[in-house]
Amino acid sequence: MAPDNTTIIRARDVMRKIVYIDGMATASEAAAKMRSEKVYSLLVNKRHADDAWGILVYQDFIKGVIMPGRSPQKVNVYEIMTKPVISVPADMDIRYVSRLICQAGIRRAPVDDGGELIGMISLASLILNNELF
């Protein structure tokens, strides 16, 4: 069903699950987790309350492991992750979410609901959503 002019679809309506990983995990363990959970990114846990979230995506494996010829068993997630993470508010209209994601040059972002990360949104999840197309 295509949206009409009065329908507002928000980030929370199209988000997917978040899968977390510890920064001390190896790149090999992270890749295995992404395969088993069938996700394209992992949110890297904070080390303490004042720390920022990190994110690990396929490009991080390419740039941090494959291109430099490093062993995935010897590279820790914290060495190749992107940090800090850009998040989007859960109630943000997806028109603005897509604009923010594109302008930031990223493909996915966690969804924040009052300081709690509740899901992950990606450009693909916007296109694959039945409410939109």
N, C-alpha and C. Protein backbone atom coordinates (compact mmCIF):
# COMPACT_ATOMS: atom_id res chain seq x y z
N MET A 1 0.85 -1.18 0.00
CA MET A 1 0.00 0.00 0.00
C MET A 1 0.89 1.24 0.00
N ALA A 2 0.73 2.08 -0.98
CA ALA A 2 1.51 3.31 -1.05
C ALA A 2 0.92 4.34 -0.08
N PRO A 3 1.79 5.12 0.56
CA PRO A 3 1.27 6.10 1.51
C PRO A 3 0.55 7.24 0.81
N ASP A 4 -0.49 7.76 1.45
CA ASP A 4 -1.13 8.96 0.91
C ASP A 4 -0.49 10.16 1.61
N ASN A 5 -0.95 11.35 1.32
CA ASN A 5 -0.34 12.56 1.86
C ASN A 5 -0.52 12.71 3.37
N THR A 6 -1.45 11.98 3.97
CA THR A 6 -1.68 12.13 5.41
C THR A 6 -0.97 11.06 6.24
N THR A 7 -0.44 10.05 5.58
CA THR A 7 0.24 8.97 6.29
C THR A 7 1.68 9.38 6.59
N ILE A 8 2.03 9.30 7.86
CA ILE A 8 3.41 9.57 8.26
C ILE A 8 4.00 8.26 8.76
N ILE A 9 5.02 7.82 8.07
CA ILE A 9 5.72 6.61 8.49
C ILE A 9 6.99 7.05 9.20
N ARG A 10 7.18 6.52 10.38
CA ARG A 10 8.29 6.93 11.23
C ARG A 10 9.38 5.86 11.26
N ALA A 11 10.54 6.25 11.77
CA ALA A 11 11.68 5.34 11.85
C ALA A 11 11.29 4.05 12.57
N ARG A 12 10.56 4.15 13.66
CA ARG A 12 10.17 2.97 14.43
C ARG A 12 9.32 1.99 13.61
N ASP A 13 8.65 2.49 12.56
CA ASP A 13 7.77 1.65 11.76
C ASP A 13 8.53 0.74 10.78
N VAL A 14 9.76 1.09 10.46
CA VAL A 14 10.51 0.32 9.45
C VAL A 14 11.84 -0.23 9.99
N MET A 15 12.09 -0.04 11.26
CA MET A 15 13.37 -0.49 11.83
C MET A 15 13.42 -2.01 11.93
N ARG A 16 14.62 -2.51 12.02
CA ARG A 16 14.89 -3.94 12.19
C ARG A 16 15.58 -4.14 13.53
N LYS A 17 15.84 -5.39 13.88
CA LYS A 17 16.48 -5.68 15.17
C LYS A 17 17.93 -5.20 15.20
N ILE A 18 18.41 -4.94 16.41
CA ILE A 18 19.81 -4.61 16.63
C ILE A 18 20.50 -5.85 17.15
N VAL A 19 21.68 -6.11 16.63
CA VAL A 19 22.52 -7.19 17.16
C VAL A 19 23.78 -6.52 17.68
N TYR A 20 24.15 -6.85 18.91
CA TYR A 20 25.28 -6.23 19.59
C TYR A 20 26.50 -7.13 19.57
N ILE A 21 27.67 -6.51 19.71
CA ILE A 21 28.92 -7.25 19.86
C ILE A 21 29.86 -6.44 20.74
N ASP A 22 30.75 -7.13 21.41
CA ASP A 22 31.76 -6.49 22.25
C ASP A 22 32.93 -6.06 21.37
N GLY A 23 33.51 -4.93 21.69
CA GLY A 23 34.64 -4.42 20.93
C GLY A 23 35.87 -5.30 20.97
N MET A 24 35.98 -6.16 21.96
CA MET A 24 37.13 -7.06 22.07
C MET A 24 36.97 -8.32 21.22
N ALA A 25 35.80 -8.55 20.66
CA ALA A 25 35.60 -9.70 19.78
C ALA A 25 36.49 -9.53 18.56
N THR A 26 36.84 -10.64 17.92
CA THR A 26 37.66 -10.56 16.72
C THR A 26 36.79 -10.29 15.50
N ALA A 27 37.42 -9.83 14.43
CA ALA A 27 36.70 -9.60 13.18
C ALA A 27 36.10 -10.91 12.68
N SER A 28 36.79 -12.01 12.89
CA SER A 28 36.27 -13.32 12.49
C SER A 28 35.00 -13.67 13.26
N GLU A 29 34.99 -13.43 14.57
CA GLU A 29 33.80 -13.68 15.39
C GLU A 29 32.65 -12.76 14.97
N ALA A 30 32.98 -11.52 14.65
CA ALA A 30 31.95 -10.57 14.22
C ALA A 30 31.31 -11.00 12.91
N ALA A 31 32.13 -11.43 11.96
CA ALA A 31 31.60 -11.88 10.66
C ALA A 31 30.70 -13.10 10.85
N ALA A 32 31.12 -14.02 11.73
CA ALA A 32 30.31 -15.21 12.00
C ALA A 32 28.97 -14.81 12.63
N LYS A 33 28.99 -13.82 13.51
CA LYS A 33 27.75 -13.37 14.15
C LYS A 33 26.82 -12.71 13.14
N MET A 34 27.38 -11.92 12.23
CA MET A 34 26.56 -11.29 11.20
C MET A 34 25.90 -12.34 10.31
N ARG A 35 26.66 -13.38 9.97
CA ARG A 35 26.09 -14.45 9.14
C ARG A 35 24.98 -15.19 9.89
N SER A 36 25.24 -15.56 11.14
CA SER A 36 24.26 -16.35 11.89
C SER A 36 22.99 -15.55 12.21
N GLU A 37 23.14 -14.26 12.45
CA GLU A 37 21.98 -13.41 12.78
C GLU A 37 21.32 -12.81 11.52
N LYS A 38 21.97 -13.00 10.38
CA LYS A 38 21.47 -12.48 9.10
C LYS A 38 21.26 -10.96 9.16
N VAL A 39 22.33 -10.26 9.60
CA VAL A 39 22.30 -8.79 9.67
C VAL A 39 23.50 -8.23 8.91
N TYR A 40 23.42 -6.97 8.57
CA TYR A 40 24.47 -6.32 7.79
C TYR A 40 25.31 -5.36 8.63
N SER A 41 25.00 -5.29 9.93
CA SER A 41 25.77 -4.43 10.82
C SER A 41 25.64 -4.95 12.25
N LEU A 42 26.61 -4.58 13.06
CA LEU A 42 26.58 -4.92 14.49
C LEU A 42 26.81 -3.63 15.26
N LEU A 43 26.06 -3.44 16.32
CA LEU A 43 26.28 -2.31 17.20
C LEU A 43 27.31 -2.73 18.24
N VAL A 44 28.34 -1.94 18.39
CA VAL A 44 29.42 -2.28 19.32
C VAL A 44 29.09 -1.67 20.68
N ASN A 45 29.07 -2.55 21.70
CA ASN A 45 28.72 -2.13 23.05
C ASN A 45 29.62 -1.02 23.56
N LYS A 46 29.02 -0.15 24.37
CA LYS A 46 29.78 0.88 25.07
C LYS A 46 30.65 0.21 26.13
N ARG A 47 31.82 0.78 26.39
CA ARG A 47 32.70 0.24 27.43
C ARG A 47 32.32 0.76 28.80
N HIS A 48 31.68 1.94 28.85
CA HIS A 48 31.20 2.53 30.10
C HIS A 48 30.09 3.51 29.76
N ALA A 49 29.39 4.01 30.75
CA ALA A 49 28.19 4.84 30.55
C ALA A 49 28.45 6.10 29.72
N ASP A 50 29.63 6.68 29.84
CA ASP A 50 29.94 7.92 29.12
C ASP A 50 30.53 7.67 27.74
N ASP A 51 30.72 6.42 27.38
CA ASP A 51 31.29 6.07 26.09
C ASP A 51 30.24 6.24 24.99
N ALA A 52 30.69 6.27 23.75
CA ALA A 52 29.80 6.34 22.60
C ALA A 52 29.64 4.94 22.00
N TRP A 53 28.51 4.72 21.34
CA TRP A 53 28.29 3.46 20.64
C TRP A 53 29.19 3.42 19.41
N GLY A 54 29.54 2.23 18.99
CA GLY A 54 30.26 2.02 17.74
C GLY A 54 29.40 1.16 16.83
N ILE A 55 29.75 1.11 15.56
CA ILE A 55 29.03 0.27 14.61
C ILE A 55 30.05 -0.42 13.72
N LEU A 56 29.74 -1.64 13.36
CA LEU A 56 30.60 -2.42 12.47
C LEU A 56 29.77 -2.82 11.26
N VAL A 57 30.25 -2.44 10.08
CA VAL A 57 29.56 -2.75 8.83
C VAL A 57 30.55 -3.42 7.88
N TYR A 58 30.04 -3.96 6.78
CA TYR A 58 30.90 -4.69 5.85
C TYR A 58 32.10 -3.87 5.37
N GLN A 59 31.91 -2.59 5.14
CA GLN A 59 33.01 -1.76 4.65
C GLN A 59 34.16 -1.73 5.66
N ASP A 60 33.84 -1.83 6.95
CA ASP A 60 34.89 -1.84 7.97
C ASP A 60 35.77 -3.07 7.84
N PHE A 61 35.18 -4.20 7.48
CA PHE A 61 35.96 -5.42 7.25
C PHE A 61 36.88 -5.24 6.04
N ILE A 62 36.33 -4.64 4.99
CA ILE A 62 37.11 -4.44 3.77
C ILE A 62 38.30 -3.53 4.05
N LYS A 63 38.03 -2.37 4.66
CA LYS A 63 39.09 -1.38 4.90
C LYS A 63 40.06 -1.78 6.00
N GLY A 64 39.58 -2.48 7.03
CA GLY A 64 40.42 -2.76 8.18
C GLY A 64 41.06 -4.13 8.21
N VAL A 65 40.55 -5.06 7.38
CA VAL A 65 41.08 -6.42 7.40
C VAL A 65 41.56 -6.86 6.02
N ILE A 66 40.67 -6.85 5.04
CA ILE A 66 40.99 -7.41 3.73
C ILE A 66 42.03 -6.57 2.99
N MET A 67 41.78 -5.26 2.84
CA MET A 67 42.71 -4.42 2.07
C MET A 67 44.13 -4.41 2.66
N PRO A 68 44.28 -4.27 3.98
CA PRO A 68 45.64 -4.28 4.52
C PRO A 68 46.22 -5.69 4.68
N GLY A 69 45.44 -6.72 4.37
CA GLY A 69 45.93 -8.09 4.45
C GLY A 69 46.14 -8.60 5.86
N ARG A 70 45.29 -8.16 6.78
CA ARG A 70 45.39 -8.57 8.18
C ARG A 70 44.60 -9.85 8.43
N SER A 71 44.97 -10.59 9.45
CA SER A 71 44.26 -11.81 9.81
C SER A 71 43.00 -11.47 10.60
N PRO A 72 41.82 -11.93 10.16
CA PRO A 72 40.58 -11.62 10.88
C PRO A 72 40.56 -12.19 12.30
N GLN A 73 41.38 -13.19 12.56
CA GLN A 73 41.45 -13.76 13.91
C GLN A 73 42.31 -12.91 14.84
N LYS A 74 43.07 -11.96 14.28
CA LYS A 74 43.97 -11.13 15.09
C LYS A 74 43.56 -9.67 15.16
N VAL A 75 42.45 -9.32 14.51
CA VAL A 75 41.95 -7.95 14.52
C VAL A 75 40.73 -7.89 15.42
N ASN A 76 40.74 -6.95 16.37
CA ASN A 76 39.58 -6.76 17.24
C ASN A 76 38.61 -5.79 16.61
N VAL A 77 37.33 -5.96 16.94
CA VAL A 77 36.27 -5.11 16.42
C VAL A 77 36.58 -3.63 16.68
N TYR A 78 37.05 -3.29 17.87
CA TYR A 78 37.29 -1.88 18.20
C TYR A 78 38.33 -1.23 17.29
N GLU A 79 39.18 -2.03 16.64
CA GLU A 79 40.20 -1.50 15.74
C GLU A 79 39.63 -1.06 14.39
N ILE A 80 38.51 -1.64 14.00
CA ILE A 80 37.99 -1.38 12.65
C ILE A 80 36.60 -0.74 12.64
N MET A 81 35.94 -0.66 13.78
CA MET A 81 34.58 -0.12 13.83
C MET A 81 34.55 1.38 13.55
N THR A 82 33.36 1.88 13.29
CA THR A 82 33.13 3.31 13.13
C THR A 82 32.53 3.81 14.44
N LYS A 83 33.06 4.94 14.91
CA LYS A 83 32.60 5.48 16.19
C LYS A 83 32.85 6.98 16.18
N PRO A 84 31.95 7.79 16.66
CA PRO A 84 30.64 7.49 17.24
C PRO A 84 29.60 7.21 16.15
N VAL A 85 28.48 6.70 16.59
CA VAL A 85 27.38 6.33 15.70
C VAL A 85 26.40 7.49 15.58
N ILE A 86 25.90 7.69 14.38
CA ILE A 86 24.82 8.64 14.16
C ILE A 86 23.52 7.87 14.35
N SER A 87 22.66 8.34 15.25
CA SER A 87 21.37 7.67 15.47
C SER A 87 20.25 8.60 15.02
N VAL A 88 19.07 8.01 14.83
CA VAL A 88 17.90 8.79 14.43
C VAL A 88 16.80 8.60 15.47
N PRO A 89 16.02 9.63 15.72
CA PRO A 89 14.91 9.51 16.67
C PRO A 89 13.83 8.55 16.15
N ALA A 90 13.27 7.77 17.05
CA ALA A 90 12.25 6.78 16.69
C ALA A 90 11.04 7.40 16.01
N ASP A 91 10.69 8.62 16.39
CA ASP A 91 9.50 9.26 15.83
C ASP A 91 9.77 10.15 14.62
N MET A 92 11.00 10.13 14.12
CA MET A 92 11.33 10.95 12.96
C MET A 92 10.66 10.38 11.70
N ASP A 93 10.07 11.25 10.92
CA ASP A 93 9.46 10.90 9.64
C ASP A 93 10.55 10.30 8.75
N ILE A 94 10.22 9.23 8.04
CA ILE A 94 11.25 8.57 7.25
C ILE A 94 11.77 9.42 6.10
N ARG A 95 11.02 10.44 5.70
CA ARG A 95 11.55 11.35 4.69
C ARG A 95 12.79 12.05 5.23
N TYR A 96 12.75 12.43 6.49
CA TYR A 96 13.88 13.12 7.11
C TYR A 96 14.97 12.13 7.50
N VAL A 97 14.56 10.92 7.86
CA VAL A 97 15.55 9.87 8.16
C VAL A 97 16.39 9.59 6.92
N SER A 98 15.73 9.40 5.79
CA SER A 98 16.46 9.10 4.56
C SER A 98 17.36 10.25 4.15
N ARG A 99 16.91 11.47 4.34
CA ARG A 99 17.74 12.63 4.02
C ARG A 99 18.96 12.69 4.93
N LEU A 100 18.76 12.47 6.23
CA LEU A 100 19.86 12.49 7.19
C LEU A 100 20.89 11.40 6.88
N ILE A 101 20.40 10.19 6.62
CA ILE A 101 21.31 9.07 6.33
C ILE A 101 22.11 9.35 5.06
N CYS A 102 21.45 9.82 4.03
CA CYS A 102 22.15 10.11 2.77
C CYS A 102 23.15 11.25 2.92
N GLN A 103 22.75 12.32 3.59
CA GLN A 103 23.66 13.46 3.76
C GLN A 103 24.85 13.11 4.64
N ALA A 104 24.66 12.19 5.58
CA ALA A 104 25.77 11.77 6.45
C ALA A 104 26.69 10.78 5.75
N GLY A 105 26.26 10.27 4.59
CA GLY A 105 27.09 9.33 3.84
C GLY A 105 27.14 7.95 4.46
N ILE A 106 26.07 7.57 5.16
CA ILE A 106 26.01 6.25 5.77
C ILE A 106 24.84 5.47 5.17
N ARG A 107 24.75 4.19 5.49
CA ARG A 107 23.67 3.36 4.95
C ARG A 107 22.70 2.90 6.01
N ARG A 108 23.10 2.99 7.28
CA ARG A 108 22.23 2.52 8.37
C ARG A 108 22.53 3.30 9.63
N ALA A 109 21.54 3.30 10.53
CA ALA A 109 21.69 4.02 11.80
C ALA A 109 20.78 3.39 12.84
N PRO A 110 21.22 3.38 14.10
CA PRO A 110 20.35 2.90 15.16
C PRO A 110 19.20 3.89 15.39
N VAL A 111 18.10 3.36 15.87
CA VAL A 111 16.92 4.16 16.17
C VAL A 111 16.88 4.39 17.68
N ASP A 112 16.82 5.66 18.07
CA ASP A 112 16.88 6.06 19.47
C ASP A 112 15.50 6.48 19.96
N ASP A 113 15.09 5.90 21.09
CA ASP A 113 13.81 6.26 21.70
C ASP A 113 14.09 6.72 23.12
N GLY A 114 14.27 8.01 23.31
CA GLY A 114 14.51 8.57 24.63
C GLY A 114 15.81 8.10 25.28
N GLY A 115 16.84 7.93 24.49
CA GLY A 115 18.13 7.50 25.02
C GLY A 115 18.36 6.00 24.97
N GLU A 116 17.36 5.25 24.54
CA GLU A 116 17.50 3.79 24.41
C GLU A 116 17.48 3.43 22.93
N LEU A 117 18.46 2.65 22.50
CA LEU A 117 18.49 2.21 21.10
C LEU A 117 17.56 1.01 20.97
N ILE A 118 16.56 1.15 20.08
CA ILE A 118 15.51 0.14 20.00
C ILE A 118 15.47 -0.61 18.67
N GLY A 119 16.25 -0.19 17.71
CA GLY A 119 16.23 -0.85 16.41
C GLY A 119 17.28 -0.26 15.50
N MET A 120 17.35 -0.80 14.29
CA MET A 120 18.30 -0.34 13.28
C MET A 120 17.51 -0.03 12.02
N ILE A 121 17.83 1.09 11.40
CA ILE A 121 17.16 1.45 10.15
C ILE A 121 18.23 1.58 9.08
N SER A 122 17.87 1.17 7.88
CA SER A 122 18.83 1.25 6.77
C SER A 122 18.11 1.76 5.53
N LEU A 123 18.90 2.19 4.56
CA LEU A 123 18.30 2.59 3.30
C LEU A 123 17.55 1.42 2.68
N ALA A 124 18.10 0.22 2.81
CA ALA A 124 17.43 -0.97 2.27
C ALA A 124 16.10 -1.22 2.96
N SER A 125 16.05 -1.03 4.28
CA SER A 125 14.79 -1.28 5.00
C SER A 125 13.71 -0.28 4.57
N LEU A 126 14.11 0.89 4.15
CA LEU A 126 13.13 1.86 3.64
C LEU A 126 12.55 1.38 2.31
N ILE A 127 13.39 0.85 1.43
CA ILE A 127 12.94 0.41 0.13
C ILE A 127 12.13 -0.89 0.23
N LEU A 128 12.51 -1.76 1.15
CA LEU A 128 11.86 -3.06 1.27
C LEU A 128 10.55 -3.01 2.06
N ASN A 129 10.24 -1.87 2.67
CA ASN A 129 9.05 -1.75 3.49
C ASN A 129 7.79 -1.77 2.62
N ASN A 130 6.85 -2.66 2.97
CA ASN A 130 5.62 -2.80 2.19
C ASN A 130 4.72 -1.57 2.25
N GLU A 131 4.84 -0.77 3.30
CA GLU A 131 4.00 0.42 3.43
C GLU A 131 4.39 1.49 2.41
N LEU A 132 5.63 1.46 1.97
CA LEU A 132 6.12 2.51 1.08
C LEU A 132 5.98 2.17 -0.39
N PHE A 133 6.29 0.93 -0.74
CA PHE A 133 6.32 0.55 -2.16
C PHE A 133 5.42 -0.62 -2.43
